[in-house]
Amino acid sequence: MKPVRHRRIIVTTLCAVSFALLLGWGAVTVIRPRLILRERLHHAMSLAVACRMYATEHDGKFPGKLEELVPDYISNLDFLVIPSSDGKHPLDLHYFGGRDTDPPETILIRISPEHPGDSEVIVQADSSGFIRRSAGGR
């Protein structure tokens, strides 16, 4: 093989690898926030299930505050801390309480958006949940 052809092959290979790396990095920056939101949703839904278990043993009443779930329904208070994506501070976890007979669409748990314009996590009294995207948000 001639040296020029080797250079062309090397340059083409480097361009292809660079493009693949850039494409992969772009996918990570788009997908990672969604994965974090899904993780928060799963976490909040687990808390809602614990609340429903509590209610079965307390005349249909959800706990007055989430701390009452420890240690019988969740292992420790750390489970009530929802970290930010950088892990530097906890997010606001709002708990509304109620009864297991509340309408299914009643909000039981809300995790505030990490930043203004971000999406929030909502879990309802029936333990279903969703990610509510803000208008023009991420």
C-alpha atoms as a PDB file:
ATOM      1  CA  MET A   1       0.000   0.000   0.000  1.00  0.00           C
ATOM      2  CA  LYS A   2       1.123   3.488  -0.744  1.00  0.00           C
ATOM      3  CA  PRO A   3       1.619   5.935   2.170  1.00  0.00           C
ATOM      4  CA  VAL A   4      -1.074   8.268   0.800  1.00  0.00           C
ATOM      5  CA  ARG A   5      -3.676   5.511   0.916  1.00  0.00           C
ATOM      6  CA  HIS A   6      -2.687   4.657   4.506  1.00  0.00           C
ATOM      7  CA  ARG A   7      -3.165   8.297   5.514  1.00  0.00           C
ATOM      8  CA  ARG A   8      -6.591   8.392   3.867  1.00  0.00           C
ATOM      9  CA  ILE A   9      -7.655   5.237   5.711  1.00  0.00           C
ATOM     10  CA  ILE A  10      -6.340   6.595   9.023  1.00  0.00           C
ATOM     11  CA  VAL A  11      -8.013   9.981   8.536  1.00  0.00           C
ATOM     12  CA  THR A  12     -11.298   8.354   7.505  1.00  0.00           C
ATOM     13  CA  THR A  13     -11.178   6.039  10.523  1.00  0.00           C
ATOM     14  CA  LEU A  14     -10.403   8.928  12.896  1.00  0.00           C
ATOM     15  CA  CYS A  15     -13.262  10.977  11.450  1.00  0.00           C
ATOM     16  CA  ALA A  16     -15.669   8.060  11.841  1.00  0.00           C
ATOM     17  CA  VAL A  17     -14.566   7.439  15.438  1.00  0.00           C
ATOM     18  CA  SER A  18     -14.785  11.153  16.287  1.00  0.00           C
ATOM     19  CA  PHE A  19     -18.268  11.376  14.791  1.00  0.00           C
ATOM     20  CA  ALA A  20     -19.400   8.301  16.731  1.00  0.00           C
ATOM     21  CA  LEU A  21     -18.026   9.755  19.965  1.00  0.00           C
ATOM     22  CA  LEU A  22     -19.744  13.086  19.379  1.00  0.00           C
ATOM     23  CA  LEU A  23     -22.995  11.369  18.528  1.00  0.00           C
ATOM     24  CA  GLY A  24     -22.706   9.248  21.660  1.00  0.00           C
ATOM     25  CA  TRP A  25     -21.975  12.269  23.857  1.00  0.00           C
ATOM     26  CA  GLY A  26     -24.974  14.079  22.401  1.00  0.00           C
ATOM     27  CA  ALA A  27     -27.185  11.115  23.187  1.00  0.00           C
ATOM     28  CA  VAL A  28     -25.892  11.016  26.768  1.00  0.00           C
ATOM     29  CA  THR A  29     -26.637  14.702  27.329  1.00  0.00           C
ATOM     30  CA  VAL A  30     -30.195  14.231  26.030  1.00  0.00           C
ATOM     31  CA  ILE A  31     -30.996  10.852  27.597  1.00  0.00           C
ATOM     32  CA  ARG A  32     -29.417  11.314  31.045  1.00  0.00           C
ATOM     33  CA  PRO A  33     -31.903  13.969  32.294  1.00  0.00           C
ATOM     34  CA  ARG A  34     -34.786  11.743  31.222  1.00  0.00           C
ATOM     35  CA  LEU A  35     -33.304   8.779  33.047  1.00  0.00           C
ATOM     36  CA  ILE A  36     -32.905  10.870  36.193  1.00  0.00           C
ATOM     37  CA  LEU A  37     -36.562  11.945  35.984  1.00  0.00           C
ATOM     38  CA  ARG A  38     -37.651   8.322  35.512  1.00  0.00           C
ATOM     39  CA  GLU A  39     -35.582   7.330  38.540  1.00  0.00           C
ATOM     40  CA  ARG A  40     -37.257  10.055  40.620  1.00  0.00           C
ATOM     41  CA  LEU A  41     -40.672   8.914  39.415  1.00  0.00           C
ATOM     42  CA  HIS A  42     -39.924   5.318  40.392  1.00  0.00           C
ATOM     43  CA  HIS A  43     -38.672   6.499  43.784  1.00  0.00           C
ATOM     44  CA  ALA A  44     -41.816   8.566  44.455  1.00  0.00           C
ATOM     45  CA  MET A  45     -44.057   5.714  43.312  1.00  0.00           C
ATOM     46  CA  SER A  46     -42.277   3.415  45.779  1.00  0.00           C
ATOM     47  CA  LEU A  47     -43.089   5.907  48.531  1.00  0.00           C
ATOM     48  CA  ALA A  48     -46.725   5.914  47.426  1.00  0.00           C
ATOM     49  CA  VAL A  49     -46.845   2.118  47.632  1.00  0.00           C
ATOM     50  CA  ALA A  50     -45.400   2.338  51.155  1.00  0.00           C
ATOM     51  CA  CYS A  51     -48.144   4.858  52.013  1.00  0.00           C
ATOM     52  CA  ARG A  52     -50.813   2.483  50.715  1.00  0.00           C
ATOM     53  CA  MET A  53     -49.330  -0.369  52.775  1.00  0.00           C
ATOM     54  CA  TYR A  54     -49.391   1.915  55.824  1.00  0.00           C
ATOM     55  CA  ALA A  55     -53.037   2.766  55.109  1.00  0.00           C
ATOM     56  CA  THR A  56     -54.065  -0.903  55.113  1.00  0.00           C
ATOM     57  CA  GLU A  57     -52.961  -1.099  58.734  1.00  0.00           C
ATOM     58  CA  HIS A  58     -54.240   2.344  59.803  1.00  0.00           C
ATOM     59  CA  ASP A  59     -57.935   2.430  58.895  1.00  0.00           C
ATOM     60  CA  GLY A  60     -57.289   3.680  55.366  1.00  0.00           C
ATOM     61  CA  LYS A  61     -55.305   6.745  56.466  1.00  0.00           C
ATOM     62  CA  PHE A  62     -52.027   7.612  54.824  1.00  0.00           C
ATOM     63  CA  PRO A  63     -49.327   8.683  57.282  1.00  0.00           C
ATOM     64  CA  GLY A  64     -49.464  12.257  58.543  1.00  0.00           C
ATOM     65  CA  LYS A  65     -45.869  12.678  57.387  1.00  0.00           C
ATOM     66  CA  LEU A  66     -43.548  10.392  55.463  1.00  0.00           C
ATOM     67  CA  GLU A  67     -41.238   9.933  58.441  1.00  0.00           C
ATOM     68  CA  GLU A  68     -43.948   7.701  59.969  1.00  0.00           C
ATOM     69  CA  LEU A  69     -43.104   5.083  57.324  1.00  0.00           C
ATOM     70  CA  VAL A  70     -39.737   4.378  58.995  1.00  0.00           C
ATOM     71  CA  PRO A  71     -38.808   1.607  59.838  1.00  0.00           C
ATOM     72  CA  ASP A  72     -41.841  -0.585  59.048  1.00  0.00           C
ATOM     73  CA  TYR A  73     -42.412   0.470  55.435  1.00  0.00           C
ATOM     74  CA  ILE A  74     -39.123   2.051  54.368  1.00  0.00           C
ATOM     75  CA  SER A  75     -35.739   1.259  55.832  1.00  0.00           C
ATOM     76  CA  ASN A  76     -34.542   4.715  56.875  1.00  0.00           C
ATOM     77  CA  LEU A  77     -34.980   8.462  56.462  1.00  0.00           C
ATOM     78  CA  ASP A  78     -32.398   8.582  53.664  1.00  0.00           C
ATOM     79  CA  PHE A  79     -35.092   7.178  51.372  1.00  0.00           C
ATOM     80  CA  LEU A  80     -36.962  10.466  51.800  1.00  0.00           C
ATOM     81  CA  VAL A  81     -34.099  12.502  50.329  1.00  0.00           C
ATOM     82  CA  ILE A  82     -34.230  13.062  46.570  1.00  0.00           C
ATOM     83  CA  PRO A  83     -30.802  14.314  45.442  1.00  0.00           C
ATOM     84  CA  SER A  84     -30.272  16.824  42.666  1.00  0.00           C
ATOM     85  CA  SER A  85     -28.664  15.507  39.488  1.00  0.00           C
ATOM     86  CA  ASP A  86     -25.266  16.751  40.658  1.00  0.00           C
ATOM     87  CA  GLY A  87     -25.847  15.318  44.147  1.00  0.00           C
ATOM     88  CA  LYS A  88     -25.072  18.633  45.844  1.00  0.00           C
ATOM     89  CA  HIS A  89     -28.492  19.351  47.362  1.00  0.00           C
ATOM     90  CA  PRO A  90     -31.826  17.637  47.967  1.00  0.00           C
ATOM     91  CA  LEU A  91     -34.891  18.466  45.910  1.00  0.00           C
ATOM     92  CA  ASP A  92     -38.171  19.507  47.488  1.00  0.00           C
ATOM     93  CA  LEU A  93     -40.377  16.499  48.188  1.00  0.00           C
ATOM     94  CA  HIS A  94     -43.967  17.545  48.876  1.00  0.00           C
ATOM     95  CA  TYR A  95     -46.262  15.052  50.574  1.00  0.00           C
ATOM     96  CA  PHE A  96     -49.984  15.735  50.852  1.00  0.00           C
ATOM     97  CA  GLY A  97     -51.304  12.747  52.814  1.00  0.00           C
ATOM     98  CA  GLY A  98     -54.939  11.706  52.743  1.00  0.00           C
ATOM     99  CA  ARG A  99     -56.791   8.394  52.642  1.00  0.00           C
ATOM    100  CA  ASP A 100     -56.729   5.341  50.420  1.00  0.00           C
ATOM    101  CA  THR A 101     -60.294   6.228  49.376  1.00  0.00           C
ATOM    102  CA  ASP A 102     -59.270   9.602  47.905  1.00  0.00           C
ATOM    103  CA  PRO A 103     -60.014  10.016  44.185  1.00  0.00           C
ATOM    104  CA  PRO A 104     -57.235   8.347  42.164  1.00  0.00           C
ATOM    105  CA  GLU A 105     -56.143  11.641  40.568  1.00  0.00           C
ATOM    106  CA  THR A 106     -55.512  13.287  43.965  1.00  0.00           C
ATOM    107  CA  ILE A 107     -51.860  14.297  44.212  1.00  0.00           C
ATOM    108  CA  LEU A 108     -50.080  12.416  46.981  1.00  0.00           C
ATOM    109  CA  ILE A 109     -46.418  13.251  46.272  1.00  0.00           C
ATOM    110  CA  ARG A 110     -44.743  15.939  44.187  1.00  0.00           C
ATOM    111  CA  ILE A 111     -41.031  16.321  43.542  1.00  0.00           C
ATOM    112  CA  SER A 112     -40.280  19.890  42.548  1.00  0.00           C
ATOM    113  CA  PRO A 113     -38.340  20.672  39.383  1.00  0.00           C
ATOM    114  CA  GLU A 114     -34.616  20.894  39.880  1.00  0.00           C
ATOM    115  CA  HIS A 115     -34.407  24.198  37.994  1.00  0.00           C
ATOM    116  CA  PRO A 116     -37.068  26.692  36.884  1.00  0.00           C
ATOM    117  CA  GLY A 117     -38.581  25.379  33.673  1.00  0.00           C
ATOM    118  CA  ASP A 118     -37.638  21.740  34.376  1.00  0.00           C
ATOM    119  CA  SER A 119     -40.139  18.914  34.700  1.00  0.00           C
ATOM    120  CA  GLU A 120     -41.664  17.803  37.985  1.00  0.00           C
ATOM    121  CA  VAL A 121     -42.667  14.377  39.245  1.00  0.00           C
ATOM    122  CA  ILE A 122     -46.255  13.773  40.339  1.00  0.00           C
ATOM    123  CA  VAL A 123     -47.583  10.643  42.075  1.00  0.00           C
ATOM    124  CA  GLN A 124     -51.277  10.255  42.723  1.00  0.00           C
ATOM    125  CA  ALA A 125     -53.267   8.613  45.504  1.00  0.00           C
ATOM    126  CA  ASP A 126     -53.672   5.401  43.486  1.00  0.00           C
ATOM    127  CA  SER A 127     -49.823   5.134  43.286  1.00  0.00           C
ATOM    128  CA  SER A 128     -49.770   6.007  39.591  1.00  0.00           C
ATOM    129  CA  GLY A 129     -47.396   8.721  38.548  1.00  0.00           C
ATOM    130  CA  PHE A 130     -46.167  10.824  35.709  1.00  0.00           C
ATOM    131  CA  ILE A 131     -43.623  13.430  34.748  1.00  0.00           C
ATOM    132  CA  ARG A 132     -45.231  16.799  34.139  1.00  0.00           C
ATOM    133  CA  ARG A 133     -43.227  18.809  31.684  1.00  0.00           C
ATOM    134  CA  SER A 134     -43.242  22.530  32.139  1.00  0.00           C
ATOM    135  CA  ALA A 135     -44.152  24.759  29.229  1.00  0.00           C
ATOM    136  CA  GLY A 136     -40.981  25.146  27.201  1.00  0.00           C
ATOM    137  CA  GLY A 137     -39.070  23.133  29.787  1.00  0.00           C
ATOM    138  CA  ARG A 138     -36.706  20.211  29.596  1.00  0.00           C
END
